[in-house]
Amino acid sequence: MLVKNMSEALNRVLHNTRTKPIISMLEDIWVYMITRWAKNRLKLHKFSRSICPKIMSKREKESDLTKY
């Protein structure tokens, strides 16, 4: 299921690329992946906690519920 969702997301992003010749298509895919990795790397460098924000919010919600 996870692989299917990942491939569908990639197909959605690269929809216009599929009409190009193979070399141009591969270059577009490469540029997309490199820019995505660079954005994620920048987000990671800005991150200062040891726990991810979504996990931290879930943990806070669960700890609030245990008070009762």
PDB file of N, CA and C in Angstrom:
ATOM      1  N   MET A   1       0.822  -1.191   0.000  1.00  0.00           N
ATOM      2  CA  MET A   1       0.000   0.000   0.000  1.00  0.00           C
ATOM      3  C   MET A   1       0.868   1.258   0.000  1.00  0.00           C
ATOM      4  N   LEU A   2       1.931   1.234   0.806  1.00  0.00           N
ATOM      5  CA  LEU A   2       2.818   2.393   0.884  1.00  0.00           C
ATOM      6  C   LEU A   2       3.498   2.648  -0.458  1.00  0.00           C
ATOM      7  N   VAL A   3       3.962   1.580  -1.114  1.00  0.00           N
ATOM      8  CA  VAL A   3       4.626   1.726  -2.408  1.00  0.00           C
ATOM      9  C   VAL A   3       3.651   2.263  -3.449  1.00  0.00           C
ATOM     10  N   LYS A   4       2.414   1.792  -3.404  1.00  0.00           N
ATOM     11  CA  LYS A   4       1.412   2.263  -4.353  1.00  0.00           C
ATOM     12  C   LYS A   4       1.152   3.755  -4.158  1.00  0.00           C
ATOM     13  N   ASN A   5       1.025   4.197  -2.911  1.00  0.00           N
ATOM     14  CA  ASN A   5       0.789   5.614  -2.640  1.00  0.00           C
ATOM     15  C   ASN A   5       1.976   6.468  -3.075  1.00  0.00           C
ATOM     16  N   MET A   6       3.187   5.964  -2.853  1.00  0.00           N
ATOM     17  CA  MET A   6       4.374   6.717  -3.260  1.00  0.00           C
ATOM     18  C   MET A   6       4.442   6.842  -4.782  1.00  0.00           C
ATOM     19  N   SER A   7       4.141   5.771  -5.491  1.00  0.00           N
ATOM     20  CA  SER A   7       4.201   5.825  -6.957  1.00  0.00           C
ATOM     21  C   SER A   7       3.095   6.716  -7.520  1.00  0.00           C
ATOM     22  N   GLU A   8       1.919   6.700  -6.916  1.00  0.00           N
ATOM     23  CA  GLU A   8       0.832   7.574  -7.373  1.00  0.00           C
ATOM     24  C   GLU A   8       1.177   9.040  -7.141  1.00  0.00           C
ATOM     25  N   ALA A   9       1.810   9.340  -6.028  1.00  0.00           N
ATOM     26  CA  ALA A   9       2.207  10.720  -5.747  1.00  0.00           C
ATOM     27  C   ALA A   9       3.261  11.193  -6.741  1.00  0.00           C
ATOM     28  N   LEU A  10       4.215  10.320  -7.048  1.00  0.00           N
ATOM     29  CA  LEU A  10       5.249  10.680  -8.016  1.00  0.00           C
ATOM     30  C   LEU A  10       4.645  10.849  -9.409  1.00  0.00           C
ATOM     31  N   ASN A  11       3.720   9.991  -9.781  1.00  0.00           N
ATOM     32  CA  ASN A  11       3.058  10.124 -11.086  1.00  0.00           C
ATOM     33  C   ASN A  11       2.278  11.423 -11.185  1.00  0.00           C
ATOM     34  N   ARG A  12       1.660  11.839 -10.093  1.00  0.00           N
ATOM     35  CA  ARG A  12       0.896  13.092 -10.098  1.00  0.00           C
ATOM     36  C   ARG A  12       1.823  14.285 -10.295  1.00  0.00           C
ATOM     37  N   VAL A  13       2.979  14.268  -9.661  1.00  0.00           N
ATOM     38  CA  VAL A  13       3.921  15.379  -9.769  1.00  0.00           C
ATOM     39  C   VAL A  13       4.531  15.438 -11.166  1.00  0.00           C
ATOM     40  N   LEU A  14       4.808  14.287 -11.747  1.00  0.00           N
ATOM     41  CA  LEU A  14       5.500  14.230 -13.034  1.00  0.00           C
ATOM     42  C   LEU A  14       4.557  14.021 -14.221  1.00  0.00           C
ATOM     43  N   HIS A  15       3.326  14.451 -14.070  1.00  0.00           N
ATOM     44  CA  HIS A  15       2.320  14.233 -15.114  1.00  0.00           C
ATOM     45  C   HIS A  15       2.731  14.863 -16.445  1.00  0.00           C
ATOM     46  N   ASN A  16       3.221  16.094 -16.441  1.00  0.00           N
ATOM     47  CA  ASN A  16       3.599  16.782 -17.681  1.00  0.00           C
ATOM     48  C   ASN A  16       4.905  16.253 -18.251  1.00  0.00           C
ATOM     49  N   THR A  17       5.699  15.606 -17.438  1.00  0.00           N
ATOM     50  CA  THR A  17       6.997  15.111 -17.872  1.00  0.00           C
ATOM     51  C   THR A  17       6.868  13.880 -18.757  1.00  0.00           C
ATOM     52  N   ARG A  18       5.819  13.128 -18.611  1.00  0.00           N
ATOM     53  CA  ARG A  18       5.676  11.866 -19.351  1.00  0.00           C
ATOM     54  C   ARG A  18       5.578  12.036 -20.860  1.00  0.00           C
ATOM     55  N   THR A  19       5.243  13.213 -21.339  1.00  0.00           N
ATOM     56  CA  THR A  19       5.115  13.435 -22.780  1.00  0.00           C
ATOM     57  C   THR A  19       6.448  13.769 -23.444  1.00  0.00           C
ATOM     58  N   LYS A  20       7.502  13.954 -22.673  1.00  0.00           N
ATOM     59  CA  LYS A  20       8.805  14.341 -23.213  1.00  0.00           C
ATOM     60  C   LYS A  20       9.599  13.112 -23.653  1.00  0.00           C
ATOM     61  N   PRO A  21      10.651  13.331 -24.443  1.00  0.00           N
ATOM     62  CA  PRO A  21      11.554  12.220 -24.770  1.00  0.00           C
ATOM     63  C   PRO A  21      12.228  11.679 -23.504  1.00  0.00           C
ATOM     64  N   ILE A  22      12.744  10.476 -23.594  1.00  0.00           N
ATOM     65  CA  ILE A  22      13.223   9.768 -22.408  1.00  0.00           C
ATOM     66  C   ILE A  22      14.324  10.520 -21.665  1.00  0.00           C
ATOM     67  N   ILE A  23      15.276  11.112 -22.374  1.00  0.00           N
ATOM     68  CA  ILE A  23      16.382  11.823 -21.711  1.00  0.00           C
ATOM     69  C   ILE A  23      15.847  13.049 -20.982  1.00  0.00           C
ATOM     70  N   SER A  24      14.987  13.813 -21.619  1.00  0.00           N
ATOM     71  CA  SER A  24      14.399  14.998 -20.976  1.00  0.00           C
ATOM     72  C   SER A  24      13.542  14.599 -19.787  1.00  0.00           C
ATOM     73  N   MET A  25      12.821  13.503 -19.928  1.00  0.00           N
ATOM     74  CA  MET A  25      11.985  13.021 -18.831  1.00  0.00           C
ATOM     75  C   MET A  25      12.847  12.642 -17.636  1.00  0.00           C
ATOM     76  N   LEU A  26      13.936  11.914 -17.874  1.00  0.00           N
ATOM     77  CA  LEU A  26      14.826  11.520 -16.780  1.00  0.00           C
ATOM     78  C   LEU A  26      15.490  12.726 -16.129  1.00  0.00           C
ATOM     79  N   GLU A  27      15.851  13.731 -16.929  1.00  0.00           N
ATOM     80  CA  GLU A  27      16.426  14.951 -16.369  1.00  0.00           C
ATOM     81  C   GLU A  27      15.419  15.678 -15.479  1.00  0.00           C
ATOM     82  N   ASP A  28      14.162  15.748 -15.912  1.00  0.00           N
ATOM     83  CA  ASP A  28      13.127  16.394 -15.100  1.00  0.00           C
ATOM     84  C   ASP A  28      12.901  15.644 -13.795  1.00  0.00           C
ATOM     85  N   ILE A  29      12.897  14.323 -13.862  1.00  0.00           N
ATOM     86  CA  ILE A  29      12.742  13.525 -12.644  1.00  0.00           C
ATOM     87  C   ILE A  29      13.911  13.761 -11.711  1.00  0.00           C
ATOM     88  N   TRP A  30      15.111  13.815 -12.263  1.00  0.00           N
ATOM     89  CA  TRP A  30      16.318  14.042 -11.465  1.00  0.00           C
ATOM     90  C   TRP A  30      16.261  15.406 -10.777  1.00  0.00           C
ATOM     91  N   VAL A  31      15.874  16.437 -11.526  1.00  0.00           N
ATOM     92  CA  VAL A  31      15.773  17.790 -10.955  1.00  0.00           C
ATOM     93  C   VAL A  31      14.724  17.821  -9.850  1.00  0.00           C
ATOM     94  N   TYR A  32      13.586  17.173 -10.074  1.00  0.00           N
ATOM     95  CA  TYR A  32      12.543  17.136  -9.051  1.00  0.00           C
ATOM     96  C   TYR A  32      13.050  16.476  -7.770  1.00  0.00           C
ATOM     97  N   MET A  33      13.711  15.332  -7.913  1.00  0.00           N
ATOM     98  CA  MET A  33      14.192  14.611  -6.729  1.00  0.00           C
ATOM     99  C   MET A  33      15.271  15.404  -5.986  1.00  0.00           C
ATOM    100  N   ILE A  34      16.193  16.007  -6.709  1.00  0.00           N
ATOM    101  CA  ILE A  34      17.263  16.781  -6.074  1.00  0.00           C
ATOM    102  C   ILE A  34      16.689  17.983  -5.323  1.00  0.00           C
ATOM    103  N   THR A  35      15.742  18.694  -5.932  1.00  0.00           N
ATOM    104  CA  THR A  35      15.155  19.850  -5.240  1.00  0.00           C
ATOM    105  C   THR A  35      14.345  19.413  -4.026  1.00  0.00           C
ATOM    106  N   ARG A  36      13.677  18.282  -4.141  1.00  0.00           N
ATOM    107  CA  ARG A  36      12.914  17.772  -2.991  1.00  0.00           C
ATOM    108  C   ARG A  36      13.844  17.404  -1.837  1.00  0.00           C
ATOM    109  N   TRP A  37      14.947  16.720  -2.165  1.00  0.00           N
ATOM    110  CA  TRP A  37      15.915  16.356  -1.124  1.00  0.00           C
ATOM    111  C   TRP A  37      16.528  17.596  -0.489  1.00  0.00           C
ATOM    112  N   ALA A  38      16.805  18.626  -1.310  1.00  0.00           N
ATOM    113  CA  ALA A  38      17.394  19.859  -0.782  1.00  0.00           C
ATOM    114  C   ALA A  38      16.420  20.561   0.165  1.00  0.00           C
ATOM    115  N   LYS A  39      15.137  20.620  -0.197  1.00  0.00           N
ATOM    116  CA  LYS A  39      14.135  21.238   0.683  1.00  0.00           C
ATOM    117  C   LYS A  39      14.034  20.482   2.005  1.00  0.00           C
ATOM    118  N   ASN A  40      14.022  19.150   1.928  1.00  0.00           N
ATOM    119  CA  ASN A  40      13.934  18.355   3.150  1.00  0.00           C
ATOM    120  C   ASN A  40      15.181  18.524   4.011  1.00  0.00           C
ATOM    121  N   ARG A  41      16.340  18.649   3.381  1.00  0.00           N
ATOM    122  CA  ARG A  41      17.575  18.857   4.134  1.00  0.00           C
ATOM    123  C   ARG A  41      17.544  20.194   4.861  1.00  0.00           C
ATOM    124  N   LEU A  42      17.027  21.231   4.193  1.00  0.00           N
ATOM    125  CA  LEU A  42      16.925  22.542   4.845  1.00  0.00           C
ATOM    126  C   LEU A  42      15.955  22.495   6.023  1.00  0.00           C
ATOM    127  N   LYS A  43      14.842  21.794   5.855  1.00  0.00           N
ATOM    128  CA  LYS A  43      13.888  21.650   6.959  1.00  0.00           C
ATOM    129  C   LYS A  43      14.535  20.937   8.141  1.00  0.00           C
ATOM    130  N   LEU A  44      15.342  19.933   7.850  1.00  0.00           N
ATOM    131  CA  LEU A  44      15.987  19.169   8.900  1.00  0.00           C
ATOM    132  C   LEU A  44      17.013  20.008   9.651  1.00  0.00           C
ATOM    133  N   HIS A  45      17.745  20.861   8.947  1.00  0.00           N
ATOM    134  CA  HIS A  45      18.731  21.704   9.613  1.00  0.00           C
ATOM    135  C   HIS A  45      18.071  22.745  10.516  1.00  0.00           C
ATOM    136  N   LYS A  46      16.859  23.179  10.174  1.00  0.00           N
ATOM    137  CA  LYS A  46      16.136  24.145  10.999  1.00  0.00           C
ATOM    138  C   LYS A  46      15.509  23.488  12.229  1.00  0.00           C
ATOM    139  N   PHE A  47      15.378  22.179  12.196  1.00  0.00           N
ATOM    140  CA  PHE A  47      14.726  21.429  13.264  1.00  0.00           C
ATOM    141  C   PHE A  47      15.657  21.323  14.461  1.00  0.00           C
ATOM    142  N   SER A  48      15.187  21.707  15.640  1.00  0.00           N
ATOM    143  CA  SER A  48      16.066  21.723  16.807  1.00  0.00           C
ATOM    144  C   SER A  48      15.697  20.701  17.878  1.00  0.00           C
ATOM    145  N   ARG A  49      14.520  20.108  17.809  1.00  0.00           N
ATOM    146  CA  ARG A  49      14.099  19.141  18.821  1.00  0.00           C
ATOM    147  C   ARG A  49      14.591  17.735  18.488  1.00  0.00           C
ATOM    148  N   SER A  50      14.474  16.861  19.473  1.00  0.00           N
ATOM    149  CA  SER A  50      14.862  15.483  19.233  1.00  0.00           C
ATOM    150  C   SER A  50      13.675  14.633  18.771  1.00  0.00           C
ATOM    151  N   ILE A  51      12.455  15.190  18.839  1.00  0.00           N
ATOM    152  CA  ILE A  51      11.248  14.489  18.409  1.00  0.00           C
ATOM    153  C   ILE A  51      10.576  15.327  17.328  1.00  0.00           C
ATOM    154  N   CYS A  52      10.060  14.677  16.300  1.00  0.00           N
ATOM    155  CA  CYS A  52       9.390  15.377  15.205  1.00  0.00           C
ATOM    156  C   CYS A  52       8.139  16.108  15.701  1.00  0.00           C
ATOM    157  N   PRO A  53       7.756  17.215  15.048  1.00  0.00           N
ATOM    158  CA  PRO A  53       6.608  18.002  15.513  1.00  0.00           C
ATOM    159  C   PRO A  53       5.295  17.229  15.557  1.00  0.00           C
ATOM    160  N   LYS A  54       5.006  16.409  14.547  1.00  0.00           N
ATOM    161  CA  LYS A  54       3.740  15.667  14.543  1.00  0.00           C
ATOM    162  C   LYS A  54       3.707  14.653  15.676  1.00  0.00           C
ATOM    163  N   ILE A  55       4.807  13.978  15.887  1.00  0.00           N
ATOM    164  CA  ILE A  55       4.880  13.009  16.971  1.00  0.00           C
ATOM    165  C   ILE A  55       4.777  13.721  18.314  1.00  0.00           C
ATOM    166  N   MET A  56       5.417  14.887  18.423  1.00  0.00           N
ATOM    167  CA  MET A  56       5.358  15.664  19.659  1.00  0.00           C
ATOM    168  C   MET A  56       3.918  16.092  19.960  1.00  0.00           C
ATOM    169  N   SER A  57       3.178  16.531  18.938  1.00  0.00           N
ATOM    170  CA  SER A  57       1.793  16.952  19.186  1.00  0.00           C
ATOM    171  C   SER A  57       0.921  15.759  19.581  1.00  0.00           C
ATOM    172  N   LYS A  58       1.135  14.602  18.957  1.00  0.00           N
ATOM    173  CA  LYS A  58       0.384  13.408  19.348  1.00  0.00           C
ATOM    174  C   LYS A  58       0.699  13.010  20.787  1.00  0.00           C
ATOM    175  N   ARG A  59       1.963  13.116  21.164  1.00  0.00           N
ATOM    176  CA  ARG A  59       2.359  12.770  22.522  1.00  0.00           C
ATOM    177  C   ARG A  59       1.725  13.724  23.531  1.00  0.00           C
ATOM    178  N   GLU A  60       1.683  15.006  23.192  1.00  0.00           N
ATOM    179  CA  GLU A  60       1.062  15.989  24.086  1.00  0.00           C
ATOM    180  C   GLU A  60      -0.444  15.722  24.233  1.00  0.00           C
ATOM    181  N   LYS A  61      -1.115  15.372  23.135  1.00  0.00           N
ATOM    182  CA  LYS A  61      -2.547  15.058  23.203  1.00  0.00           C
ATOM    183  C   LYS A  61      -2.791  13.842  24.085  1.00  0.00           C
ATOM    184  N   GLU A  62      -1.984  12.819  23.917  1.00  0.00           N
ATOM    185  CA  GLU A  62      -2.130  11.606  24.720  1.00  0.00           C
ATOM    186  C   GLU A  62      -1.850  11.892  26.195  1.00  0.00           C
ATOM    187  N   SER A  63      -0.858  12.709  26.472  1.00  0.00           N
ATOM    188  CA  SER A  63      -0.560  13.009  27.871  1.00  0.00           C
ATOM    189  C   SER A  63      -1.677  13.859  28.508  1.00  0.00           C
ATOM    190  N   ASP A  64      -2.308  14.715  27.707  1.00  0.00           N
ATOM    191  CA  ASP A  64      -3.455  15.475  28.231  1.00  0.00           C
ATOM    192  C   ASP A  64      -4.628  14.558  28.534  1.00  0.00           C
ATOM    193  N   LEU A  65      -4.832  13.554  27.706  1.00  0.00           N
ATOM    194  CA  LEU A  65      -5.939  12.612  27.935  1.00  0.00           C
ATOM    195  C   LEU A  65      -5.707  11.727  29.151  1.00  0.00           C
ATOM    196  N   THR A  66      -4.467  11.466  29.495  1.00  0.00           N
ATOM    197  CA  THR A  66      -4.189  10.588  30.653  1.00  0.00           C
ATOM    198  C   THR A  66      -4.427  11.285  31.980  1.00  0.00           C
ATOM    199  N   LYS A  67      -4.586  12.584  31.973  1.00  0.00           N
ATOM    200  CA  LYS A  67      -4.862  13.317  33.220  1.00  0.00           C
ATOM    201  C   LYS A  67      -6.211  12.937  33.791  1.00  0.00           C
ATOM    202  N   TYR A  68      -7.115  12.503  32.952  1.00  0.00           N
ATOM    203  CA  TYR A  68      -8.467  12.188  33.388  1.00  0.00           C
ATOM    204  C   TYR A  68      -8.623  10.716  33.611  1.00  0.00           C
TER     205      TYR A  68
END
